[in-house]
Amino acid sequence: MTEKLYYDDVYIKESLSRVVEAFEKDGKLLVVLDKTPFYPEGGGQPSDTGRIGDAHVSYVFEEDDTIYHVVDKLPENTLVLCNIDFERRYDFMQQHSGEHMLAATFYKLYGAVSQGFHMGDDYVSIDMSFTEISTEEVKRIESVVNGHIYSNVPVNTFVVTPEESRSLTLRKRVEGEDQVRIVQIGEVDACACCGTHVKYTGEVGIIKIIKTEKYKGMTRIYFKCGRRAFEDYILKHDIVSTLVRNLSTGEGELVDKATNDMAEVKALGRKLGEYKRRLSGYEAQNLKARAENRVVSFIYEDKEMDEVQMIAEDLASEDLFIILGSALSRGIIVFSGGGHNVNVGQFFKENMKAFSGKGGGSAKRAQGSFGYAEDMKAFAAELLKQVNK
């Protein structure tokens, strides 16, 4: 059995430990210590990382009361100095303690039960047993939980037997264990948990719910505590400041300004679409007038593919063989008509690869894209030769 120093002192950063075993198994280098400051993965909390001597510890896990440290090389000495990445440990302590208060508040206010918990380097989330939550409910939850944080309530841990735990009012119980570790946060929450926690709720700093979403009949709550919430605030404050500066408005008017600007952009987009549609009609008539042997072939240097497609669609009813392309988008669209019996889908299938293109279609209509405009133009020229045979 490995002595768990992190339970004696959750703020421990280093220890002098003795190597009990050091070996390779399943391609991993493993070290067992007589006592360890490293918290192993468990209870939804990732493991600590750090160093054992000059070896890097990337992962820690527990099996049968023995804690195994995954390292990049085995230590040469029996007595080793262990150092954990305390910034990472403390971050997880803040998130985990915040999660307990958040889950407890959901339960007390709305009767929702935590059904899942994920704590990683990128995000922290809990799955609550209701299908949806309103913005007002989110704000209420945040207000209550942050009130518990500001009250600086003590966080105590103690171990009881399963029988003793049944006499306690617990939000969550653990069955099948010889001993049950309880985390009690004042009058806020009492819950069976094996993770590491802060000593006072004030250390959590702040909790902020980032977003909510429906998940397998439940509601998944994403949140951040402590330094993560602070860094998230810095990021979003920088975004708001940049928008305020670029849009020449105040923070209070930013939403209205952005909403009005987006509405104006959409209106301009609709007008632009109408103008493009009219111009495509004029351009289609111009190309029709210039057709030779009922063939239209043209590559536009200054039009995007959506404009080229509109022109092609306008010409499609004129019974012409149409080859139109966009050098900007490196795309091509072809309609087989005008009495020319060329199976364009077959031509695409047989020749696209030779011109580093992708695409295909039916006997009468095909479309493709190319890595380079030169390849597209060469492909169009080759197709035109086939049509004019």
Protein backbone atom coordinates (compact mmCIF):
# COMPACT_ATOMS: atom_id res chain seq x y z
CA MET A 1 0.00 0.00 0.00
CA THR A 2 1.28 3.45 -0.94
CA GLU A 3 0.99 6.18 1.69
CA LYS A 4 -1.12 9.01 0.25
CA LEU A 5 0.58 12.22 1.30
CA TYR A 6 -1.86 14.36 -0.71
CA TYR A 7 -4.62 13.46 1.74
CA ASP A 8 -2.51 14.56 4.72
CA ASP A 9 -1.75 17.86 3.01
CA VAL A 10 -3.47 18.79 -0.25
CA TYR A 11 -1.03 21.69 -0.62
CA ILE A 12 2.02 19.44 -0.63
CA LYS A 13 4.41 20.25 -3.47
CA GLU A 14 7.26 17.80 -2.87
CA SER A 15 8.38 14.86 -0.78
CA LEU A 16 11.39 12.62 -0.22
CA SER A 17 10.19 9.11 -1.06
CA ARG A 18 11.64 5.65 -1.40
CA VAL A 19 11.34 3.61 -4.61
CA VAL A 20 9.65 0.27 -3.87
CA GLU A 21 9.46 -0.94 -7.48
CA ALA A 22 10.59 0.33 -10.86
CA PHE A 23 9.78 -1.74 -13.94
CA GLU A 24 8.38 -1.82 -17.49
CA LYS A 25 4.93 -3.21 -18.25
CA ASP A 26 2.91 -3.06 -21.48
CA GLY A 27 5.34 -0.56 -22.95
CA LYS A 28 5.13 1.79 -19.94
CA LEU A 29 7.79 2.59 -17.35
CA LEU A 30 6.22 2.38 -13.88
CA VAL A 31 7.45 3.46 -10.47
CA VAL A 32 5.95 2.55 -7.09
CA LEU A 33 6.88 4.66 -4.07
CA ASP A 34 6.47 4.00 -0.35
CA LYS A 35 4.70 7.37 -0.09
CA THR A 36 3.65 9.82 -2.76
CA PRO A 37 2.46 13.42 -3.12
CA PHE A 38 1.02 12.54 -6.58
CA TYR A 39 -2.76 12.26 -6.79
CA PRO A 40 -3.80 9.35 -9.07
CA GLU A 41 -6.62 9.74 -11.56
CA GLY A 42 -9.98 9.08 -9.91
CA GLY A 43 -13.38 10.49 -9.07
CA GLY A 44 -13.48 12.47 -12.31
CA GLN A 45 -10.23 14.27 -11.45
CA PRO A 46 -7.14 13.85 -13.65
CA SER A 47 -3.89 12.75 -12.07
CA ASP A 48 -1.05 14.97 -11.00
CA THR A 49 2.06 15.31 -13.14
CA GLY A 50 5.57 16.37 -12.19
CA ARG A 51 8.96 14.77 -11.56
CA ILE A 52 10.48 11.89 -9.64
CA GLY A 53 14.15 12.78 -9.50
CA ASP A 54 15.02 13.70 -13.09
CA ALA A 55 12.21 11.55 -14.55
CA HIS A 56 9.02 13.18 -15.86
CA VAL A 57 5.75 11.83 -14.44
CA SER A 58 3.04 12.01 -17.12
CA TYR A 59 0.26 9.97 -15.49
CA VAL A 60 -0.56 8.38 -12.13
CA PHE A 61 -3.10 5.62 -11.42
CA GLU A 62 -4.09 3.35 -8.55
CA GLU A 63 -4.72 -0.40 -8.52
CA ASP A 64 -5.29 -2.50 -5.40
CA ASP A 65 -4.13 0.26 -3.00
CA THR A 66 -0.86 0.65 -4.96
CA ILE A 67 -0.16 3.87 -6.82
CA TYR A 68 1.76 3.61 -10.09
CA HIS A 69 3.64 6.54 -11.60
CA VAL A 70 4.18 6.49 -15.38
CA VAL A 71 7.61 8.00 -16.11
CA ASP A 72 9.81 8.64 -19.13
CA LYS A 73 12.78 6.85 -17.50
CA LEU A 74 13.32 4.72 -14.43
CA PRO A 75 15.09 6.35 -11.46
CA GLU A 76 18.59 5.16 -10.63
CA ASN A 77 18.42 5.99 -6.91
CA THR A 78 16.29 4.39 -4.23
CA LEU A 79 15.69 7.64 -2.37
CA VAL A 80 14.12 10.21 -4.70
CA LEU A 81 12.83 13.78 -4.51
CA CYS A 82 9.30 14.08 -5.85
CA ASN A 83 7.89 17.37 -7.17
CA ILE A 84 4.34 17.80 -8.43
CA ASP A 85 3.09 20.41 -10.89
CA PHE A 86 1.28 22.32 -8.16
CA GLU A 87 -0.24 24.89 -10.50
CA ARG A 88 -2.05 22.02 -12.23
CA ARG A 89 -3.01 20.45 -8.86
CA TYR A 90 -4.40 23.71 -7.51
CA ASP A 91 -6.35 24.34 -10.70
CA PHE A 92 -8.05 20.95 -10.32
CA MET A 93 -8.70 21.65 -6.62
CA GLN A 94 -10.50 24.88 -7.58
CA GLN A 95 -12.55 23.20 -10.31
CA HIS A 96 -13.44 20.16 -8.17
CA SER A 97 -14.55 22.20 -5.16
CA GLY A 98 -16.54 24.47 -7.47
CA GLU A 99 -18.21 21.43 -9.02
CA HIS A 100 -19.35 20.18 -5.61
CA MET A 101 -20.96 23.53 -4.77
CA LEU A 102 -22.52 23.79 -8.23
CA ALA A 103 -24.02 20.28 -8.12
CA ALA A 104 -25.25 20.81 -4.57
CA THR A 105 -26.94 24.09 -5.50
CA PHE A 106 -28.66 22.52 -8.51
CA TYR A 107 -29.94 19.78 -6.23
CA LYS A 108 -31.18 22.10 -3.49
CA LEU A 109 -32.82 24.66 -5.78
CA TYR A 110 -34.23 22.43 -8.52
CA GLY A 111 -33.91 18.83 -7.33
CA ALA A 112 -31.54 18.04 -10.22
CA VAL A 113 -28.98 15.28 -9.63
CA SER A 114 -25.46 15.21 -11.07
CA GLN A 115 -25.21 12.24 -13.45
CA GLY A 116 -21.71 12.83 -14.84
CA PHE A 117 -18.62 14.91 -14.30
CA HIS A 118 -15.70 15.67 -16.60
CA MET A 119 -12.65 17.66 -15.59
CA GLY A 120 -9.92 18.08 -18.17
CA ASP A 121 -7.33 20.58 -19.26
CA ASP A 122 -9.71 22.16 -21.79
CA TYR A 123 -13.08 22.23 -20.04
CA VAL A 124 -15.05 21.15 -16.98
CA SER A 125 -18.64 19.98 -17.16
CA ILE A 126 -21.38 18.27 -15.18
CA ASP A 127 -24.47 16.51 -16.53
CA MET A 128 -27.61 17.40 -14.60
CA SER A 129 -30.83 15.38 -14.58
CA PHE A 130 -33.14 17.85 -16.28
CA THR A 131 -33.77 18.43 -19.97
CA GLU A 132 -33.38 22.20 -20.11
CA ILE A 133 -32.47 25.26 -18.09
CA SER A 134 -33.37 28.91 -18.56
CA THR A 135 -31.05 31.90 -18.57
CA GLU A 136 -32.67 33.14 -15.37
CA GLU A 137 -32.03 29.80 -13.64
CA VAL A 138 -28.38 29.87 -14.71
CA LYS A 139 -27.98 33.37 -13.24
CA ARG A 140 -29.65 32.29 -10.00
CA ILE A 141 -27.36 29.25 -9.67
CA GLU A 142 -24.26 31.37 -10.31
CA SER A 143 -25.35 33.95 -7.75
CA VAL A 144 -25.94 31.36 -5.02
CA VAL A 145 -22.70 29.44 -5.65
CA ASN A 146 -20.59 32.60 -5.75
CA GLY A 147 -22.25 33.61 -2.48
CA HIS A 148 -20.92 30.39 -0.93
CA ILE A 149 -17.47 31.22 -2.31
CA TYR A 150 -17.47 34.75 -0.88
CA SER A 151 -18.59 33.41 2.52
CA ASN A 152 -15.28 31.52 2.67
CA VAL A 153 -16.89 28.38 4.09
CA PRO A 154 -14.44 25.74 5.43
CA VAL A 155 -14.02 22.54 3.44
CA ASN A 156 -13.40 19.49 5.64
CA THR A 157 -12.62 15.89 4.73
CA PHE A 158 -12.94 12.81 6.92
CA VAL A 159 -13.20 9.06 6.55
CA VAL A 160 -16.08 6.92 7.84
CA THR A 161 -17.25 3.34 7.50
CA PRO A 162 -20.10 2.53 5.10
CA GLU A 163 -22.38 2.04 8.11
CA GLU A 164 -21.43 5.43 9.55
CA SER A 165 -21.95 7.11 6.17
CA ARG A 166 -25.59 5.97 6.12
CA SER A 167 -26.30 8.14 9.16
CA LEU A 168 -25.05 11.21 7.32
CA THR A 169 -27.07 13.40 4.97
CA LEU A 170 -25.07 12.97 1.79
CA ARG A 171 -25.79 14.23 -1.70
CA LYS A 172 -23.89 11.29 -3.20
CA ARG A 173 -22.95 7.96 -1.67
CA VAL A 174 -20.37 5.31 -2.57
CA GLU A 175 -21.17 1.60 -2.21
CA GLY A 176 -18.80 -1.35 -2.04
CA GLU A 177 -15.95 0.43 -0.24
CA ASP A 178 -14.39 -0.47 3.11
CA GLN A 179 -13.96 3.20 3.92
CA VAL A 180 -15.81 6.23 2.65
CA ARG A 181 -14.08 9.60 2.33
CA ILE A 182 -16.47 12.50 2.88
CA VAL A 183 -15.96 16.06 1.63
CA GLN A 184 -18.06 18.49 3.63
CA ILE A 185 -18.41 22.13 2.60
CA GLY A 186 -19.97 23.83 5.63
CA GLU A 187 -23.75 23.62 5.35
CA VAL A 188 -23.51 23.77 1.56
CA ASP A 189 -22.75 20.15 0.70
CA ALA A 190 -21.63 16.76 2.00
CA CYS A 191 -20.61 14.17 -0.53
CA ALA A 192 -18.51 11.02 -0.85
CA CYS A 193 -15.44 11.92 -2.93
CA CYS A 194 -11.82 10.82 -3.32
CA GLY A 195 -10.57 14.02 -4.97
CA THR A 196 -8.46 16.91 -3.67
CA HIS A 197 -10.15 20.12 -2.59
CA VAL A 198 -9.33 23.59 -1.30
CA LYS A 199 -9.50 24.23 2.46
CA TYR A 200 -11.85 27.23 2.17
CA THR A 201 -14.39 28.03 -0.54
CA GLY A 202 -12.90 31.51 -0.96
CA GLU A 203 -9.95 29.85 -2.71
CA VAL A 204 -12.25 28.89 -5.59
CA GLY A 205 -12.31 32.61 -6.38
CA ILE A 206 -15.30 32.69 -8.70
CA ILE A 207 -17.45 30.31 -10.70
CA LYS A 208 -18.89 31.12 -14.12
CA ILE A 209 -21.18 28.94 -16.20
CA ILE A 210 -19.89 29.21 -19.78
CA LYS A 211 -22.67 27.43 -21.66
CA THR A 212 -25.36 24.77 -21.40
CA GLU A 213 -26.51 22.17 -23.92
CA LYS A 214 -28.88 19.22 -24.16
CA TYR A 215 -27.11 15.90 -23.76
CA LYS A 216 -28.73 12.44 -23.78
CA GLY A 217 -31.92 13.61 -22.11
CA MET A 218 -29.98 15.72 -19.59
CA THR A 219 -28.41 19.17 -19.52
CA ARG A 220 -24.64 19.47 -19.73
CA ILE A 221 -23.28 22.47 -17.83
CA TYR A 222 -19.86 23.86 -18.81
CA PHE A 223 -18.22 26.07 -16.21
CA LYS A 224 -14.90 27.54 -15.07
CA CYS A 225 -13.56 28.36 -11.62
CA GLY A 226 -10.66 30.33 -10.18
CA ARG A 227 -7.79 31.07 -12.53
CA ARG A 228 -9.59 29.49 -15.48
CA ALA A 229 -12.50 31.89 -15.01
CA PHE A 230 -10.07 34.80 -14.65
CA GLU A 231 -8.26 33.87 -17.88
CA ASP A 232 -11.61 33.46 -19.63
CA TYR A 233 -12.56 36.96 -18.47
CA ILE A 234 -9.28 38.38 -19.83
CA LEU A 235 -9.94 36.77 -23.21
CA LYS A 236 -13.51 38.01 -23.46
CA HIS A 237 -12.62 41.47 -22.16
CA ASP A 238 -10.00 41.77 -24.92
CA ILE A 239 -12.64 40.75 -27.47
CA VAL A 240 -15.15 43.29 -26.16
CA SER A 241 -12.52 46.04 -26.04
CA THR A 242 -11.52 45.33 -29.64
CA LEU A 243 -15.16 45.41 -30.79
CA VAL A 244 -15.82 48.64 -28.89
CA ARG A 245 -12.81 50.24 -30.56
CA ASN A 246 -13.56 48.94 -34.06
CA LEU A 247 -17.28 49.71 -33.93
CA SER A 248 -16.79 53.10 -32.24
CA THR A 249 -19.37 52.49 -29.55
CA GLY A 250 -19.62 51.91 -25.79
CA GLU A 251 -19.81 48.53 -24.08
CA GLY A 252 -23.46 49.14 -23.15
CA GLU A 253 -24.41 49.81 -26.77
CA LEU A 254 -22.26 47.04 -28.26
CA VAL A 255 -25.02 44.43 -28.63
CA ASP A 256 -27.45 46.87 -30.27
CA LYS A 257 -24.70 48.16 -32.55
CA ALA A 258 -23.69 44.64 -33.62
CA THR A 259 -27.33 43.61 -34.12
CA ASN A 260 -28.07 46.65 -36.30
CA ASP A 261 -24.86 46.19 -38.30
CA MET A 262 -25.64 42.51 -38.92
CA ALA A 263 -29.15 43.39 -40.06
CA GLU A 264 -27.69 45.97 -42.45
CA VAL A 265 -25.15 43.47 -43.79
CA LYS A 266 -27.93 40.92 -44.41
CA ALA A 267 -30.00 43.55 -46.24
CA LEU A 268 -26.99 44.51 -48.37
CA GLY A 269 -26.35 40.82 -49.03
CA ARG A 270 -29.89 40.37 -50.31
CA LYS A 271 -29.52 43.41 -52.58
CA LEU A 272 -26.17 42.16 -53.82
CA GLY A 273 -27.74 38.78 -54.56
CA GLU A 274 -30.47 40.47 -56.58
CA TYR A 275 -27.90 42.48 -58.56
CA LYS A 276 -25.82 39.37 -59.23
CA ARG A 277 -28.92 37.57 -60.47
CA ARG A 278 -29.74 40.41 -62.87
CA LEU A 279 -26.15 40.64 -64.09
CA SER A 280 -26.00 36.89 -64.64
CA GLY A 281 -29.02 37.17 -66.90
CA TYR A 282 -27.40 39.96 -68.93
CA GLU A 283 -24.13 38.03 -69.11
CA ALA A 284 -25.93 34.86 -70.20
CA GLN A 285 -27.56 36.71 -73.08
CA ASN A 286 -24.20 38.20 -74.05
CA LEU A 287 -22.55 34.77 -74.11
CA LYS A 288 -25.46 33.32 -76.10
CA ALA A 289 -25.02 36.00 -78.73
CA ARG A 290 -21.32 35.12 -79.04
CA ALA A 291 -21.85 31.34 -79.23
CA GLU A 292 -20.27 29.51 -82.15
CA ASN A 293 -21.61 26.17 -83.33
CA ARG A 294 -23.96 26.31 -80.30
CA VAL A 295 -20.99 26.18 -77.93
CA VAL A 296 -20.28 28.63 -75.09
CA SER A 297 -16.87 28.42 -73.45
CA PHE A 298 -15.47 31.07 -71.13
CA ILE A 299 -13.24 31.27 -68.03
CA TYR A 300 -13.87 34.27 -65.76
CA GLU A 301 -10.90 35.80 -64.01
CA ASP A 302 -12.91 38.04 -61.68
CA LYS A 303 -16.04 36.07 -60.74
CA GLU A 304 -16.59 33.61 -57.91
CA MET A 305 -18.08 30.22 -58.59
CA ASP A 306 -21.56 31.13 -57.33
CA GLU A 307 -21.80 33.83 -60.00
CA VAL A 308 -20.55 31.47 -62.71
CA GLN A 309 -23.16 28.89 -61.68
CA MET A 310 -25.95 31.46 -61.98
CA ILE A 311 -24.82 32.34 -65.52
CA ALA A 312 -24.62 28.66 -66.45
CA GLU A 313 -28.10 28.00 -65.06
CA ASP A 314 -29.50 30.90 -67.08
CA LEU A 315 -27.93 29.44 -70.24
CA ALA A 316 -28.96 25.85 -69.52
CA SER A 317 -32.39 26.29 -71.10
CA GLU A 318 -30.91 27.59 -74.38
CA ASP A 319 -29.85 24.16 -75.70
CA LEU A 320 -26.13 24.98 -75.80
CA PHE A 321 -22.97 23.14 -74.89
CA ILE A 322 -21.72 25.23 -71.97
CA ILE A 323 -18.23 25.33 -70.43
CA LEU A 324 -17.89 28.02 -67.78
CA GLY A 325 -15.18 28.39 -65.16
CA SER A 326 -13.94 30.63 -62.35
CA ALA A 327 -10.21 31.25 -62.12
CA LEU A 328 -10.75 32.72 -58.63
CA SER A 329 -12.50 29.61 -57.30
CA ARG A 330 -10.65 27.20 -59.65
CA GLY A 331 -13.98 25.58 -60.47
CA ILE A 332 -15.76 24.57 -63.66
CA ILE A 333 -19.35 23.73 -64.62
CA VAL A 334 -20.44 22.04 -67.86
CA PHE A 335 -23.82 21.43 -69.55
CA SER A 336 -24.03 19.13 -72.56
CA GLY A 337 -26.49 20.38 -75.18
CA GLY A 338 -26.71 22.07 -78.55
CA GLY A 339 -26.76 18.77 -80.41
CA HIS A 340 -23.27 17.79 -79.17
CA ASN A 341 -23.38 14.20 -77.95
CA VAL A 342 -20.54 14.37 -75.41
CA ASN A 343 -21.09 12.49 -72.17
CA VAL A 344 -19.58 15.07 -69.82
CA GLY A 345 -19.84 12.86 -66.75
CA GLN A 346 -17.79 10.19 -68.50
CA PHE A 347 -15.29 12.78 -69.74
CA PHE A 348 -14.83 14.07 -66.18
CA LYS A 349 -14.36 10.53 -64.86
CA GLU A 350 -11.72 9.68 -67.45
CA ASN A 351 -9.76 12.96 -67.44
CA MET A 352 -10.05 14.77 -64.10
CA LYS A 353 -7.17 12.93 -62.45
CA ALA A 354 -4.78 13.88 -65.25
CA PHE A 355 -5.44 17.54 -64.49
CA SER A 356 -5.31 17.15 -60.66
CA GLY A 357 -9.01 17.87 -60.41
CA LYS A 358 -11.96 16.45 -58.48
CA GLY A 359 -15.56 16.23 -59.55
CA GLY A 360 -18.06 14.45 -61.73
CA GLY A 361 -21.66 14.37 -62.77
CA SER A 362 -24.16 12.93 -65.23
CA ALA A 363 -24.09 12.65 -69.01
CA LYS A 364 -25.67 16.10 -69.35
CA ARG A 365 -24.21 18.02 -66.40
CA ALA A 366 -20.91 17.94 -64.50
CA GLN A 367 -18.91 20.11 -62.13
CA GLY A 368 -15.38 20.04 -60.74
CA SER A 369 -12.65 21.85 -58.85
CA PHE A 370 -8.90 22.08 -59.34
CA GLY A 371 -5.82 22.86 -57.30
CA TYR A 372 -4.62 25.45 -59.79
CA ALA A 373 -6.43 27.71 -62.28
CA GLU A 374 -3.98 26.65 -65.02
CA ASP A 375 -5.06 23.01 -64.65
CA MET A 376 -8.71 24.03 -64.88
CA LYS A 377 -8.09 26.04 -68.05
CA ALA A 378 -6.17 23.15 -69.62
CA PHE A 379 -9.01 20.77 -68.76
CA ALA A 380 -11.57 23.14 -70.31
CA ALA A 381 -9.46 23.40 -73.46
CA GLU A 382 -9.23 19.60 -73.72
CA LEU A 383 -13.00 19.28 -73.31
CA LEU A 384 -13.57 21.95 -75.96
CA LYS A 385 -11.42 19.94 -78.40
CA GLN A 386 -13.62 16.92 -77.77
CA VAL A 387 -16.76 18.97 -78.44
CA ASN A 388 -15.42 20.43 -81.71
CA LYS A 389 -14.37 17.12 -83.23
